[in-house]
Amino acid sequence: MTKFDVTIRRFDPAQDPASGQELVLPVDSPDEEHAIASTLANAASWPGKVADGQPLPVAFMAVRVEWR
């Protein structure tokens, strides 16, 4: 397994992705593609934000992957 830092961006899909928050997550994976896929899958399971009892829309995108 190789150690990677995967940077993802969490953002409101109704807005520009650049308006989102970047998060760097460490992951051990066999290759870059798997590191990105598993990180995005894990991010999708995070609890979302809620306003007035309604879930707010959220999207994720991979920004970069680097060896660590």
Protein backbone atom coordinates (compact mmCIF):
# COMPACT_ATOMS: atom_id res chain seq x y z
CA MET A 1 0.00 0.00 0.00
CA THR A 2 1.15 3.50 -0.81
CA LYS A 3 0.47 6.48 1.43
CA PHE A 4 -1.35 9.37 -0.25
CA ASP A 5 -2.79 12.73 0.75
CA VAL A 6 -6.01 13.27 -1.19
CA THR A 7 -7.36 16.81 -1.31
CA ILE A 8 -11.09 17.05 -1.87
CA ARG A 9 -13.40 20.04 -2.04
CA ARG A 10 -16.80 20.01 -0.32
CA PHE A 11 -19.21 22.53 -1.85
CA ASP A 12 -22.82 23.45 -2.49
CA PRO A 13 -23.65 22.09 -5.99
CA ALA A 14 -25.80 25.17 -6.67
CA GLN A 15 -22.70 27.36 -6.33
CA ASP A 16 -19.29 27.49 -7.94
CA PRO A 17 -17.06 24.62 -6.70
CA ALA A 18 -14.34 27.18 -5.91
CA SER A 19 -16.58 28.49 -3.10
CA GLY A 20 -16.23 25.24 -1.17
CA GLN A 21 -13.95 24.05 1.59
CA GLU A 22 -10.83 21.99 0.84
CA LEU A 23 -9.94 19.04 3.06
CA VAL A 24 -6.73 16.98 2.92
CA LEU A 25 -7.27 13.37 3.92
CA PRO A 26 -4.56 10.74 4.37
CA VAL A 27 -5.23 7.36 2.78
CA ASP A 28 -3.28 4.15 2.23
CA SER A 29 -4.13 2.71 -1.17
CA PRO A 30 -2.67 0.57 -3.95
CA ASP A 31 -2.75 3.45 -6.49
CA GLU A 32 -3.92 7.02 -7.09
CA GLU A 33 -7.23 6.08 -8.70
CA HIS A 34 -8.21 3.87 -5.79
CA ALA A 35 -7.12 6.57 -3.32
CA ILE A 36 -9.39 9.13 -4.98
CA ALA A 37 -12.35 6.76 -5.34
CA SER A 38 -12.21 5.53 -1.76
CA THR A 39 -11.77 9.04 -0.37
CA LEU A 40 -14.78 10.37 -2.30
CA ALA A 41 -16.88 7.36 -1.28
CA ASN A 42 -15.98 7.92 2.36
CA ALA A 43 -16.69 11.65 2.10
CA ALA A 44 -20.15 10.94 0.68
CA SER A 45 -20.99 9.07 3.90
CA TRP A 46 -20.20 12.07 6.14
CA PRO A 47 -23.22 13.57 7.86
CA GLY A 48 -24.45 16.61 6.00
CA LYS A 49 -25.45 20.01 7.26
CA VAL A 50 -29.08 20.76 8.06
CA ALA A 51 -30.95 24.07 8.04
CA ASP A 52 -34.51 24.38 9.36
CA GLY A 53 -34.81 20.60 9.49
CA GLN A 54 -33.92 20.22 5.81
CA PRO A 55 -30.66 18.68 4.57
CA LEU A 56 -28.49 21.08 2.59
CA PRO A 57 -27.16 19.90 -0.78
CA VAL A 58 -23.49 18.97 -0.82
CA ALA A 59 -21.09 17.76 -3.51
CA PHE A 60 -17.50 16.60 -3.46
CA MET A 61 -14.72 16.73 -6.01
CA ALA A 62 -11.13 15.56 -5.97
CA VAL A 63 -8.64 18.41 -6.28
CA ARG A 64 -5.30 16.60 -6.09
CA VAL A 65 -3.56 13.45 -4.90
CA GLU A 66 0.02 13.42 -3.65
CA TRP A 67 2.36 10.85 -2.17
CA ARG A 68 3.18 11.40 1.48
